[in-house]
């Protein structure tokens, strides 16, 4: 539907950017994402990004005005896209809790394997700019899904976890998923090859759901919800 007055029969659609401009913006954002992850925010120069995007510096400044604006646009859009896909999966009423946990682990692991430096980059940047944490909040997105209802009900049926906050389990799932990427340098220092680490992380996709299921079933709980 055109972006115009909803109550007028004769209205003019809002102008949109030409395709070439949209393509240029996307090219700049892709280049910026690569450079930011590789060098970090502080060490990145707008000149580096312009060179990676194969454009001149004045054009980059025309579209994004400053390195800070470009950084926030790139990181918030990238993570927001991931969260949107994740939330859609976690809100699916046709899948079980175990299926949702498997999908969560699988999607997150795929993201980290695709961008190996992303985790440490985000941790470092959030440490210097805590406001980013609120804009990239994963926990808030999860709390508003059907997954949270399923998890709460499963925990309530188990005397061991009846009085535990569901966020404790979410933290466990998150830790099981993300921790290997925070410590992968240990594998490399100990002589593990990158291929071996890659395969072990892929194997965790199925194991994470099994571990969480076993924890919930230690008492009378069940994932069959």
Protein backbone atom coordinates (compact mmCIF):
# COMPACT_ATOMS: atom_id res chain seq x y z
CA UNK A 1 0.00 0.00 0.00
CA UNK A 2 1.43 3.45 -0.87
CA UNK A 3 2.58 5.54 2.05
CA UNK A 4 -0.02 8.30 1.93
CA UNK A 5 -3.00 9.69 3.79
CA UNK A 6 -5.28 6.81 4.79
CA UNK A 7 -8.42 8.94 4.67
CA UNK A 8 -7.94 10.66 1.32
CA UNK A 9 -9.00 9.13 -1.96
CA UNK A 10 -6.61 11.23 -4.02
CA UNK A 11 -3.15 11.14 -2.59
CA UNK A 12 0.35 11.01 -3.96
CA UNK A 13 2.63 8.13 -2.88
CA UNK A 14 5.69 9.11 -0.89
CA UNK A 15 8.79 9.23 -3.09
CA UNK A 16 11.19 6.34 -2.73
CA UNK A 17 14.92 6.30 -3.32
CA UNK A 18 16.04 5.24 -6.78
CA UNK A 19 17.28 1.68 -7.01
CA UNK A 20 20.84 2.86 -7.58
CA UNK A 21 20.80 4.78 -4.28
CA UNK A 22 19.38 1.80 -2.40
CA UNK A 23 22.07 -0.42 -3.91
CA UNK A 24 24.77 2.04 -2.89
CA UNK A 25 23.51 2.12 0.70
CA UNK A 26 23.50 -1.67 0.89
CA UNK A 27 26.99 -1.84 -0.59
CA UNK A 28 28.26 0.60 2.04
CA UNK A 29 26.59 -1.33 4.86
CA UNK A 30 28.02 -4.66 3.71
CA UNK A 31 31.49 -3.17 3.50
CA UNK A 32 31.13 -1.48 6.89
CA UNK A 33 30.01 -4.71 8.54
CA UNK A 34 33.09 -6.55 7.26
CA UNK A 35 35.50 -3.81 8.34
CA UNK A 36 33.90 -3.21 11.75
CA UNK A 37 34.03 -6.92 12.60
CA UNK A 38 37.59 -7.24 11.35
CA UNK A 39 39.06 -4.12 13.00
CA UNK A 40 36.57 -3.05 15.66
CA UNK A 41 34.87 0.32 15.87
CA UNK A 42 37.79 2.35 17.24
CA UNK A 43 40.34 1.17 14.66
CA UNK A 44 38.02 1.54 11.68
CA UNK A 45 38.25 4.67 9.54
CA UNK A 46 35.51 5.80 7.21
CA UNK A 47 38.18 5.85 4.51
CA UNK A 48 38.65 2.09 5.05
CA UNK A 49 34.94 1.49 4.53
CA UNK A 50 34.79 3.69 1.45
CA UNK A 51 37.70 1.78 -0.04
CA UNK A 52 36.08 -1.58 0.71
CA UNK A 53 32.83 -0.38 -0.89
CA UNK A 54 34.75 1.06 -3.85
CA UNK A 55 33.22 4.52 -3.47
CA UNK A 56 34.66 7.92 -2.57
CA UNK A 57 34.59 9.23 0.99
CA UNK A 58 32.22 12.10 0.23
CA UNK A 59 29.59 9.64 -1.00
CA UNK A 60 29.84 7.64 2.22
CA UNK A 61 29.41 10.82 4.26
CA UNK A 62 26.43 11.81 2.12
CA UNK A 63 24.59 8.60 3.01
CA UNK A 64 25.55 8.13 6.66
CA UNK A 65 27.04 11.43 7.89
CA UNK A 66 29.35 9.81 10.45
CA UNK A 67 31.07 6.58 11.40
CA UNK A 68 28.89 6.36 14.52
CA UNK A 69 25.65 6.54 12.50
CA UNK A 70 26.91 3.91 10.08
CA UNK A 71 28.03 1.61 12.88
CA UNK A 72 24.72 1.72 14.72
CA UNK A 73 22.77 1.24 11.49
CA UNK A 74 24.80 -1.80 10.48
CA UNK A 75 24.89 -3.56 13.83
CA UNK A 76 21.29 -2.88 14.85
CA UNK A 77 19.94 -3.93 11.44
CA UNK A 78 22.04 -7.10 11.33
CA UNK A 79 21.09 -8.26 14.81
CA UNK A 80 17.48 -7.14 14.44
CA UNK A 81 17.18 -9.31 11.34
CA UNK A 82 18.51 -12.31 13.25
CA UNK A 83 16.19 -11.66 16.21
CA UNK A 84 13.16 -11.29 13.92
CA UNK A 85 13.80 -14.71 12.38
CA UNK A 86 14.44 -16.24 15.78
CA UNK A 87 11.29 -14.75 17.29
CA UNK A 88 9.18 -16.11 14.44
CA UNK A 89 10.48 -19.60 15.15
CA UNK A 90 10.04 -19.31 18.93
CA UNK A 91 6.47 -18.08 18.48
CA UNK A 92 5.44 -21.07 16.37
CA UNK A 93 2.64 -22.88 18.22
CA UNK A 94 3.02 -25.98 16.04
CA UNK A 95 6.51 -26.93 17.26
CA UNK A 96 7.59 -28.46 20.55
CA UNK A 97 9.83 -26.86 23.14
CA UNK A 98 12.64 -29.23 22.18
CA UNK A 99 12.29 -28.25 18.51
CA UNK A 100 12.49 -24.58 19.44
CA UNK A 101 15.63 -25.05 21.53
CA UNK A 102 17.24 -27.00 18.69
CA UNK A 103 16.36 -24.25 16.21
CA UNK A 104 17.66 -21.55 18.56
CA UNK A 105 21.00 -23.31 18.98
CA UNK A 106 21.25 -24.12 15.29
CA UNK A 107 20.52 -20.57 14.10
CA UNK A 108 22.87 -18.97 16.60
CA UNK A 109 25.69 -21.39 15.81
CA UNK A 110 25.23 -20.80 12.08
CA UNK A 111 25.42 -17.05 12.66
CA UNK A 112 28.63 -17.35 14.68
CA UNK A 113 30.24 -19.69 12.14
CA UNK A 114 29.36 -17.30 9.33
CA UNK A 115 30.88 -14.36 11.23
CA UNK A 116 33.54 -15.85 13.57
CA UNK A 117 34.57 -12.50 15.02
CA UNK A 118 31.05 -11.24 15.68
CA UNK A 119 30.70 -12.46 19.28
CA UNK A 120 33.92 -10.94 20.62
CA UNK A 121 33.27 -7.83 18.57
CA UNK A 122 29.82 -7.32 20.11
CA UNK A 123 31.09 -7.98 23.64
CA UNK A 124 33.89 -5.48 23.20
CA UNK A 125 31.70 -2.79 21.66
CA UNK A 126 28.93 -3.21 24.25
CA UNK A 127 31.55 -2.85 26.99
CA UNK A 128 32.48 0.55 25.57
CA UNK A 129 28.92 1.53 24.64
CA UNK A 130 26.43 -0.08 27.09
CA UNK A 131 23.45 1.58 25.38
CA UNK A 132 23.89 -0.89 22.50
CA UNK A 133 22.85 -3.69 24.85
CA UNK A 134 19.33 -2.30 25.09
CA UNK A 135 19.04 -1.88 21.34
CA UNK A 136 20.24 -5.44 20.68
CA UNK A 137 18.24 -7.07 23.47
CA UNK A 138 17.69 -10.76 22.80
CA UNK A 139 16.07 -11.52 26.16
CA UNK A 140 13.18 -9.11 25.60
CA UNK A 141 12.42 -10.70 22.23
CA UNK A 142 12.38 -14.18 23.77
CA UNK A 143 10.14 -13.20 26.68
CA UNK A 144 7.36 -12.20 24.30
CA UNK A 145 7.12 -15.58 22.54
CA UNK A 146 5.12 -18.80 22.91
CA UNK A 147 8.43 -20.48 23.72
CA UNK A 148 8.45 -18.73 27.10
CA UNK A 149 4.99 -20.08 27.89
CA UNK A 150 6.06 -23.62 26.97
CA UNK A 151 9.21 -23.35 29.07
CA UNK A 152 7.34 -21.92 32.06
CA UNK A 153 4.77 -24.74 31.94
CA UNK A 154 7.46 -27.43 31.63
CA UNK A 155 9.35 -26.01 34.62
CA UNK A 156 6.17 -25.71 36.70
CA UNK A 157 5.54 -29.46 36.33
CA UNK A 158 8.95 -30.24 37.78
CA UNK A 159 9.38 -29.77 41.57
CA UNK A 160 13.09 -29.08 41.06
CA UNK A 161 12.39 -25.99 38.96
CA UNK A 162 8.93 -24.88 40.05
CA UNK A 163 10.32 -21.83 41.84
CA UNK A 164 13.11 -21.02 39.41
CA UNK A 165 12.90 -18.12 37.00
CA UNK A 166 12.68 -19.30 33.35
CA UNK A 167 15.43 -16.84 32.49
CA UNK A 168 17.86 -19.15 34.33
CA UNK A 169 17.19 -21.85 31.75
CA UNK A 170 17.45 -19.35 28.92
CA UNK A 171 20.87 -18.32 30.24
CA UNK A 172 21.92 -21.98 30.27
CA UNK A 173 20.84 -22.47 26.66
CA UNK A 174 22.57 -19.27 25.63
CA UNK A 175 25.77 -20.24 27.47
CA UNK A 176 25.83 -23.73 25.94
CA UNK A 177 25.43 -22.16 22.51
CA UNK A 178 27.75 -19.19 22.64
CA UNK A 179 30.52 -20.18 25.08
CA UNK A 180 32.53 -22.27 22.57
CA UNK A 181 32.94 -19.19 20.38
CA UNK A 182 34.22 -17.17 23.33
CA UNK A 183 36.89 -19.79 24.04
CA UNK A 184 37.69 -21.17 20.59
CA UNK A 185 41.22 -19.78 20.82
CA UNK A 186 41.84 -22.36 23.57
CA UNK A 187 41.14 -25.13 21.08
CA UNK A 188 43.57 -23.61 18.62
CA UNK A 189 46.28 -23.10 21.25
CA UNK A 190 45.93 -26.74 22.31
CA UNK A 191 46.51 -27.87 18.75
CA UNK A 192 42.93 -28.37 17.62
CA UNK A 193 42.45 -27.57 13.95
CA UNK A 194 39.81 -25.11 12.82
CA UNK A 195 38.03 -27.89 10.95
CA UNK A 196 37.79 -29.93 14.14
CA UNK A 197 36.38 -26.98 16.09
CA UNK A 198 33.89 -26.30 13.31
CA UNK A 199 32.67 -29.91 13.36
CA UNK A 200 32.41 -30.02 17.14
CA UNK A 201 30.34 -26.85 17.19
CA UNK A 202 28.01 -28.22 14.51
CA UNK A 203 27.58 -31.37 16.60
CA UNK A 204 26.42 -29.24 19.54
CA UNK A 205 23.28 -28.24 17.63
CA UNK A 206 21.57 -31.51 18.51
CA UNK A 207 23.27 -32.03 21.87
CA UNK A 208 22.19 -28.72 23.36
CA UNK A 209 18.50 -29.61 23.08
CA UNK A 210 19.20 -33.06 24.57
CA UNK A 211 21.09 -31.57 27.51
CA UNK A 212 18.33 -29.08 28.26
CA UNK A 213 15.70 -31.80 27.90
CA UNK A 214 17.60 -34.00 30.35
CA UNK A 215 17.78 -31.14 32.86
CA UNK A 216 14.05 -30.55 32.67
CA UNK A 217 13.28 -34.26 33.00
CA UNK A 218 15.45 -34.79 36.08
CA UNK A 219 12.27 -34.65 38.15
CA UNK A 220 8.75 -35.04 36.88
CA UNK A 221 9.03 -32.46 34.11
CA UNK A 222 8.72 -33.16 30.42
CA UNK A 223 9.33 -31.35 27.18
CA UNK A 224 6.22 -32.86 25.61
CA UNK A 225 4.20 -29.64 25.58
